[in-house]
């Protein structure tokens, strides 16, 4: 079990990194949907890992972007379809609570805890990427263009996102050693949906923004969210493969940030392409 000082230092340093990511992401609204499952907490799980735990962490961690991506889609679809001017804010928070409970129900299943088998991980990666591309193209071809939101107010709740990330990081650091959980538990906790839900709530619950504008902003997110899990799974797969080498694991403070930079670059390029596709 890490000392209280060590825990505090990890939380402060990790949350600072996340705050920087949030600040950078705020400058690229076209990538909002793709950023919903950005692997910030996943990367920190690798940073705080031991070499002998990397494979166990990776096996369950690979499930998390897919689970969170599907739950994002459920949230977006239900809010867009069901929100009314009177009940939109209540619906936004109610859906968040329901999604959190659904996440807990799935993430605690025994089969989920076994993770993705090592020999299947590369096939899983390609399946996620190809499915994301296919679903993105299908959405682009068959959906109606979202309304123009160029003049919309920027979503709030940035402080809430950062606070919830700090809470999630605390749970990731403290719970596995405290209760002597296996390595796979760290992989699951690295996918806690607190930050994902804060990202959705930053738009959905904001009564200062007209409901139709909120609906349009969330509809725009749908074009990117299909590929969001592929970005995170690609990061997890590639970084974990590097970190399985003991020498590379000793350099994880370099390997993980390099992975974040490449993942962020891929998101920006993909977001730019999707933005061009979205223009009627």
Protein backbone atom coordinates (compact mmCIF):
# COMPACT_ATOMS: atom_id res chain seq x y z
CA UNK A 1 0.00 0.00 0.00
CA UNK A 2 1.55 3.37 -1.00
CA UNK A 3 2.15 5.90 1.76
CA UNK A 4 -0.28 8.84 2.09
CA UNK A 5 2.40 11.21 0.75
CA UNK A 6 3.02 8.96 -2.24
CA UNK A 7 -0.71 8.73 -2.93
CA UNK A 8 -1.06 12.51 -2.73
CA UNK A 9 1.88 13.09 -5.08
CA UNK A 10 0.49 10.60 -7.59
CA UNK A 11 -2.94 12.22 -7.51
CA UNK A 12 -1.56 15.75 -7.89
CA UNK A 13 0.80 14.82 -10.74
CA UNK A 14 -1.79 12.69 -12.55
CA UNK A 15 -4.54 15.28 -12.19
CA UNK A 16 -2.18 17.98 -13.46
CA UNK A 17 -1.53 15.92 -16.57
CA UNK A 18 -5.27 15.46 -17.07
CA UNK A 19 -5.94 19.19 -16.62
CA UNK A 20 -3.41 19.85 -19.39
CA UNK A 21 -5.18 17.34 -21.64
CA UNK A 22 -8.55 18.99 -20.94
CA UNK A 23 -7.08 22.41 -21.74
CA UNK A 24 -5.62 21.16 -25.01
CA UNK A 25 -8.83 19.36 -25.98
CA UNK A 26 -10.80 22.55 -25.43
CA UNK A 27 -8.98 24.10 -28.38
CA UNK A 28 -10.18 21.36 -30.74
CA UNK A 29 -14.00 21.08 -30.44
CA UNK A 30 -14.15 18.98 -33.63
CA UNK A 31 -12.55 16.14 -31.66
CA UNK A 32 -15.04 16.24 -28.75
CA UNK A 33 -16.64 12.88 -29.52
CA UNK A 34 -13.28 11.19 -30.05
CA UNK A 35 -11.95 12.60 -26.76
CA UNK A 36 -14.71 11.05 -24.63
CA UNK A 37 -12.68 7.89 -24.03
CA UNK A 38 -9.19 9.44 -24.16
CA UNK A 39 -6.89 7.01 -22.26
CA UNK A 40 -5.60 9.41 -19.59
CA UNK A 41 -6.44 7.18 -16.62
CA UNK A 42 -5.45 4.08 -18.60
CA UNK A 43 -2.00 5.55 -19.15
CA UNK A 44 -1.56 6.41 -15.48
CA UNK A 45 -2.46 2.82 -14.57
CA UNK A 46 0.54 1.79 -16.66
CA UNK A 47 2.74 4.47 -15.09
CA UNK A 48 1.93 3.17 -11.60
CA UNK A 49 2.22 -0.51 -12.59
CA UNK A 50 4.90 -3.07 -11.88
CA UNK A 51 6.39 -4.94 -14.81
CA UNK A 52 4.85 -8.25 -13.75
CA UNK A 53 1.35 -6.73 -13.65
CA UNK A 54 1.24 -5.22 -17.16
CA UNK A 55 -0.37 -8.20 -18.90
CA UNK A 56 -3.05 -8.66 -16.25
CA UNK A 57 -3.90 -4.96 -16.29
CA UNK A 58 -4.00 -4.88 -20.09
CA UNK A 59 -6.37 -7.85 -20.43
CA UNK A 60 -9.23 -6.11 -18.61
CA UNK A 61 -8.27 -2.57 -19.61
CA UNK A 62 -8.92 -3.40 -23.27
CA UNK A 63 -12.62 -3.87 -22.47
CA UNK A 64 -13.00 -0.41 -20.97
CA UNK A 65 -13.00 1.86 -24.06
CA UNK A 66 -15.56 -0.41 -25.72
CA UNK A 67 -17.81 -0.44 -22.65
CA UNK A 68 -17.53 3.31 -22.13
CA UNK A 69 -18.01 3.98 -25.85
CA UNK A 70 -21.21 1.95 -25.95
CA UNK A 71 -22.51 3.68 -22.81
CA UNK A 72 -21.71 7.08 -24.37
CA UNK A 73 -23.80 6.12 -27.38
CA UNK A 74 -26.69 5.05 -25.14
CA UNK A 75 -26.52 8.33 -23.22
CA UNK A 76 -26.32 10.47 -26.37
CA UNK A 77 -29.13 8.64 -28.13
CA UNK A 78 -31.50 8.74 -25.16
CA UNK A 79 -30.88 12.40 -24.39
CA UNK A 80 -31.27 13.48 -28.02
CA UNK A 81 -34.51 11.52 -28.35
CA UNK A 82 -36.12 12.19 -24.96
CA UNK A 83 -35.01 15.63 -23.77
CA UNK A 84 -37.67 18.31 -23.36
CA UNK A 85 -37.14 21.96 -22.35
CA UNK A 86 -38.68 21.36 -18.92
CA UNK A 87 -36.98 18.09 -18.03
CA UNK A 88 -33.68 18.22 -19.95
CA UNK A 89 -31.49 18.90 -16.92
CA UNK A 90 -33.19 16.25 -14.80
CA UNK A 91 -32.91 13.79 -17.67
CA UNK A 92 -29.20 14.59 -18.10
CA UNK A 93 -28.39 13.74 -14.48
CA UNK A 94 -30.79 10.77 -14.38
CA UNK A 95 -29.18 9.24 -17.44
CA UNK A 96 -25.75 9.75 -15.88
CA UNK A 97 -26.84 7.84 -12.78
CA UNK A 98 -28.36 5.06 -14.89
CA UNK A 99 -25.22 4.78 -17.04
CA UNK A 100 -23.04 4.57 -13.93
CA UNK A 101 -25.16 1.72 -12.56
CA UNK A 102 -25.09 -0.07 -15.90
CA UNK A 103 -21.29 0.28 -16.03
CA UNK A 104 -21.06 -1.26 -12.56
CA UNK A 105 -23.34 -4.13 -13.54
CA UNK A 106 -21.22 -5.02 -16.59
CA UNK A 107 -17.77 -4.37 -15.10
CA UNK A 108 -18.41 -6.72 -12.16
CA UNK A 109 -19.31 -9.73 -14.32
CA UNK A 110 -16.90 -12.65 -13.95
CA UNK A 111 -16.33 -13.01 -17.70
CA UNK A 112 -15.48 -9.31 -17.87
CA UNK A 113 -12.87 -9.73 -15.16
CA UNK A 114 -11.09 -12.38 -17.20
CA UNK A 115 -10.30 -9.76 -19.83
CA UNK A 116 -9.29 -10.21 -23.46
CA UNK A 117 -7.02 -13.22 -23.90
CA UNK A 118 -3.46 -12.37 -24.97
CA UNK A 119 -3.66 -14.32 -28.22
CA UNK A 120 -6.90 -12.54 -29.20
CA UNK A 121 -5.85 -8.98 -28.42
CA UNK A 122 -4.56 -8.09 -31.88
CA UNK A 123 -7.78 -9.41 -33.48
CA UNK A 124 -9.80 -7.47 -30.92
CA UNK A 125 -7.94 -4.28 -31.84
CA UNK A 126 -8.63 -4.71 -35.55
CA UNK A 127 -12.27 -5.58 -34.90
CA UNK A 128 -12.73 -2.36 -32.89
CA UNK A 129 -10.99 -0.25 -35.55
CA UNK A 130 -12.89 -1.74 -38.50
CA UNK A 131 -16.23 -1.60 -36.69
CA UNK A 132 -15.58 2.02 -35.75
CA UNK A 133 -14.77 2.98 -39.34
CA UNK A 134 -17.80 1.14 -40.70
CA UNK A 135 -20.21 2.66 -38.16
CA UNK A 136 -18.78 6.15 -38.67
CA UNK A 137 -19.27 5.89 -42.43
CA UNK A 138 -22.77 4.52 -41.96
CA UNK A 139 -23.68 7.37 -39.62
CA UNK A 140 -22.23 9.92 -42.02
CA UNK A 141 -24.12 8.47 -44.98
CA UNK A 142 -27.53 8.01 -43.39
CA UNK A 143 -27.86 10.65 -40.66
CA UNK A 144 -29.11 14.19 -41.13
CA UNK A 145 -26.52 16.98 -40.78
CA UNK A 146 -26.43 18.52 -37.30
CA UNK A 147 -27.43 22.15 -36.86
CA UNK A 148 -24.70 24.79 -36.93
CA UNK A 149 -23.32 25.42 -33.42
CA UNK A 150 -20.51 27.83 -34.28
CA UNK A 151 -21.85 30.51 -31.95
CA UNK A 152 -22.76 28.21 -29.08
CA UNK A 153 -21.39 28.80 -25.60
CA UNK A 154 -18.51 26.57 -24.55
CA UNK A 155 -19.57 23.73 -22.24
CA UNK A 156 -18.85 24.26 -18.55
CA UNK A 157 -18.07 21.79 -15.73
CA UNK A 158 -14.32 21.72 -16.46
CA UNK A 159 -13.66 21.85 -12.70
CA UNK A 160 -16.05 18.91 -12.21
CA UNK A 161 -14.21 16.86 -14.85
CA UNK A 162 -10.89 17.46 -13.12
CA UNK A 163 -12.31 16.75 -9.65
CA UNK A 164 -13.90 13.49 -10.81
CA UNK A 165 -10.66 12.47 -12.48
CA UNK A 166 -8.85 13.00 -9.16
CA UNK A 167 -11.46 10.80 -7.44
CA UNK A 168 -11.09 8.08 -10.09
CA UNK A 169 -7.31 8.23 -9.79
CA UNK A 170 -7.53 7.93 -6.00
CA UNK A 171 -9.69 4.81 -6.35
CA UNK A 172 -7.28 3.34 -8.91
CA UNK A 173 -4.30 3.88 -6.62
CA UNK A 174 -5.87 2.87 -3.30
CA UNK A 175 -8.46 0.14 -3.84
CA UNK A 176 -6.44 -2.70 -5.50
CA UNK A 177 -3.67 -2.84 -2.85
CA UNK A 178 -6.07 -2.10 0.01
CA UNK A 179 -8.31 -5.07 -0.82
CA UNK A 180 -5.57 -7.18 -2.48
CA UNK A 181 -7.47 -7.34 -5.76
CA UNK A 182 -5.87 -9.01 -8.75
CA UNK A 183 -4.10 -7.10 -11.54
CA UNK A 184 -7.22 -7.07 -13.69
CA UNK A 185 -9.00 -4.86 -11.15
CA UNK A 186 -6.59 -2.02 -11.95
CA UNK A 187 -7.44 -2.39 -15.62
CA UNK A 188 -11.15 -2.08 -14.85
CA UNK A 189 -10.72 0.86 -12.47
CA UNK A 190 -8.70 2.66 -15.15
CA UNK A 191 -11.95 2.76 -17.13
CA UNK A 192 -14.14 4.33 -14.45
CA UNK A 193 -16.76 6.38 -16.34
CA UNK A 194 -16.71 9.43 -14.06
CA UNK A 195 -14.83 11.67 -16.49
CA UNK A 196 -16.78 10.35 -19.49
CA UNK A 197 -20.05 11.24 -17.78
CA UNK A 198 -18.73 14.68 -16.81
CA UNK A 199 -17.91 15.29 -20.47
CA UNK A 200 -21.46 14.45 -21.49
CA UNK A 201 -23.01 16.36 -18.61
CA UNK A 202 -20.98 19.46 -19.46
CA UNK A 203 -23.34 19.90 -22.40
CA UNK A 204 -26.51 17.98 -21.52
CA UNK A 205 -27.24 19.60 -18.14
CA UNK A 206 -26.29 23.16 -19.07
CA UNK A 207 -29.56 25.10 -18.86
CA UNK A 208 -27.78 28.25 -20.06
CA UNK A 209 -27.57 26.68 -23.52
CA UNK A 210 -30.75 26.36 -25.58
CA UNK A 211 -31.97 22.77 -25.70
CA UNK A 212 -31.80 22.59 -29.49
CA UNK A 213 -28.19 23.78 -29.38
CA UNK A 214 -27.37 21.14 -26.75
CA UNK A 215 -29.05 18.53 -28.92
CA UNK A 216 -27.03 19.69 -31.93
CA UNK A 217 -23.75 19.62 -29.99
CA UNK A 218 -24.41 16.06 -28.80
CA UNK A 219 -25.44 15.00 -32.30
CA UNK A 220 -22.12 16.30 -33.59
CA UNK A 221 -20.39 14.16 -30.97
CA UNK A 222 -22.07 11.08 -32.41
CA UNK A 223 -20.00 11.30 -35.59
CA UNK A 224 -16.81 10.91 -33.58
CA UNK A 225 -17.88 8.63 -30.77
CA UNK A 226 -18.00 5.54 -33.02
CA UNK A 227 -14.21 5.73 -33.43
CA UNK A 228 -13.40 6.85 -29.89
CA UNK A 229 -12.91 3.29 -28.52
CA UNK A 230 -10.51 2.49 -31.38
CA UNK A 231 -8.25 5.37 -30.35
CA UNK A 232 -8.07 4.23 -26.73
CA UNK A 233 -7.75 0.52 -27.55
CA UNK A 234 -4.93 1.33 -29.98
CA UNK A 235 -3.12 3.24 -27.22
CA UNK A 236 -3.59 0.44 -24.68
CA UNK A 237 -2.51 -2.29 -27.09
CA UNK A 238 0.60 -0.52 -28.35
CA UNK A 239 1.79 0.84 -25.00
CA UNK A 240 1.24 -2.49 -23.25
CA UNK A 241 3.24 -4.32 -25.92
CA UNK A 242 6.14 -1.95 -25.35
CA UNK A 243 5.92 -2.17 -21.56
CA UNK A 244 6.05 -5.97 -21.53
CA UNK A 245 9.78 -5.54 -22.12
CA UNK A 246 11.42 -4.98 -18.75
CA UNK A 247 13.86 -2.35 -19.98
CA UNK A 248 11.06 -0.39 -21.63
CA UNK A 249 8.94 -0.64 -18.46
CA UNK A 250 11.67 1.15 -16.54
CA UNK A 251 11.18 4.00 -19.04
CA UNK A 252 7.38 4.03 -18.69
CA UNK A 253 7.45 7.70 -17.65
CA UNK A 254 8.59 8.36 -21.22
CA UNK A 255 6.69 5.61 -23.03
CA UNK A 256 3.23 6.54 -21.71
CA UNK A 257 3.44 10.29 -22.50
CA UNK A 258 4.75 9.41 -25.97
CA UNK A 259 1.70 7.18 -26.40
CA UNK A 260 -0.59 10.01 -25.27
CA UNK A 261 0.97 12.40 -27.79
CA UNK A 262 0.53 9.93 -30.64
CA UNK A 263 -3.04 9.14 -29.57
CA UNK A 264 -3.89 12.84 -29.32
CA UNK A 265 -2.36 13.47 -32.76
CA UNK A 266 -4.42 10.63 -34.24
CA UNK A 267 -7.57 12.10 -32.64
CA UNK A 268 -6.85 15.56 -34.07
CA UNK A 269 -6.25 14.22 -37.57
CA UNK A 270 -9.36 12.03 -37.42
CA UNK A 271 -11.42 14.87 -35.93
CA UNK A 272 -10.37 17.20 -38.75
CA UNK A 273 -11.41 14.63 -41.33
CA UNK A 274 -14.76 14.09 -39.62
CA UNK A 275 -15.33 17.84 -39.41
CA UNK A 276 -14.86 18.09 -43.17
CA UNK A 277 -17.25 15.19 -43.71
CA UNK A 278 -19.83 16.87 -41.46
CA UNK A 279 -19.95 20.00 -43.64
CA UNK A 280 -22.98 19.64 -45.96
